[in-house]
């Protein structure tokens, strides 16, 4: 399902862009994608910064599952 949110890849030369792992995880979790897309740019950056400390796919999924839902 396309939500109108466009994600880009962080190549470390472009701070503020969404890292590939986070993009993929958000794509797989529509509630988390909706939540993330509704955040301000500063709030999105906080989440991006936090995900730099996450080491495993399961940990990123657990982190996204903790997002509130707008259902």
Protein backbone atom coordinates (compact mmCIF):
# COMPACT_ATOMS: atom_id res chain seq x y z
CA UNK A 1 0.00 0.00 0.00
CA UNK A 2 1.45 3.36 -1.07
CA UNK A 3 0.99 6.08 1.54
CA UNK A 4 2.56 8.98 -0.30
CA UNK A 5 5.60 8.94 1.98
CA UNK A 6 8.87 8.86 0.07
CA UNK A 7 11.96 7.47 1.75
CA UNK A 8 15.52 7.98 0.61
CA UNK A 9 18.70 6.15 1.48
CA UNK A 10 21.32 7.63 3.81
CA UNK A 11 24.76 7.43 2.26
CA UNK A 12 26.34 9.33 5.20
CA UNK A 13 26.97 12.28 2.87
CA UNK A 14 23.36 13.30 3.24
CA UNK A 15 22.35 13.54 6.91
CA UNK A 16 18.64 13.45 7.61
CA UNK A 17 17.88 10.87 4.96
CA UNK A 18 16.39 7.58 6.03
CA UNK A 19 18.83 4.65 6.25
CA UNK A 20 18.05 1.66 4.01
CA UNK A 21 17.31 -0.69 6.94
CA UNK A 22 14.78 1.70 8.42
CA UNK A 23 13.17 2.28 5.01
CA UNK A 24 12.71 -1.45 4.47
CA UNK A 25 11.37 -1.98 7.99
CA UNK A 26 8.89 0.88 7.62
CA UNK A 27 7.74 -0.49 4.27
CA UNK A 28 6.97 -3.80 5.97
CA UNK A 29 4.98 -2.15 8.81
CA UNK A 30 2.25 0.13 7.47
CA UNK A 31 1.22 1.40 10.94
CA UNK A 32 4.80 2.41 11.72
CA UNK A 33 5.11 4.01 8.27
CA UNK A 34 1.98 6.07 8.85
CA UNK A 35 3.19 7.11 12.29
CA UNK A 36 6.65 8.06 11.00
CA UNK A 37 5.22 9.98 8.05
CA UNK A 38 3.02 12.07 10.35
CA UNK A 39 5.96 13.20 12.51
CA UNK A 40 7.70 16.54 12.15
CA UNK A 41 11.11 16.49 10.47
CA UNK A 42 12.79 16.94 13.86
CA UNK A 43 10.88 13.99 15.33
CA UNK A 44 11.73 11.87 12.30
CA UNK A 45 15.40 12.76 12.76
CA UNK A 46 15.26 11.62 16.40
CA UNK A 47 13.99 8.22 15.25
CA UNK A 48 16.63 8.04 12.51
CA UNK A 49 19.33 8.87 15.05
CA UNK A 50 18.05 6.16 17.40
CA UNK A 51 18.04 3.51 14.69
CA UNK A 52 21.78 4.05 14.14
CA UNK A 53 22.27 2.24 17.47
CA UNK A 54 20.12 -0.78 16.52
CA UNK A 55 22.12 -3.82 15.44
CA UNK A 56 19.62 -6.50 14.33
CA UNK A 57 16.59 -6.79 12.09
CA UNK A 58 14.54 -8.11 15.00
CA UNK A 59 15.49 -5.11 17.14
CA UNK A 60 14.39 -2.67 14.42
CA UNK A 61 11.08 -4.53 14.09
CA UNK A 62 10.57 -4.45 17.86
CA UNK A 63 11.34 -0.71 17.85
CA UNK A 64 8.82 -0.03 15.07
CA UNK A 65 6.21 -2.20 16.79
CA UNK A 66 6.48 0.13 19.77
CA UNK A 67 5.25 3.11 17.70
CA UNK A 68 1.72 4.33 18.53
CA UNK A 69 -0.91 3.61 15.91
CA UNK A 70 -3.19 6.16 14.26
CA UNK A 71 -5.94 3.59 13.63
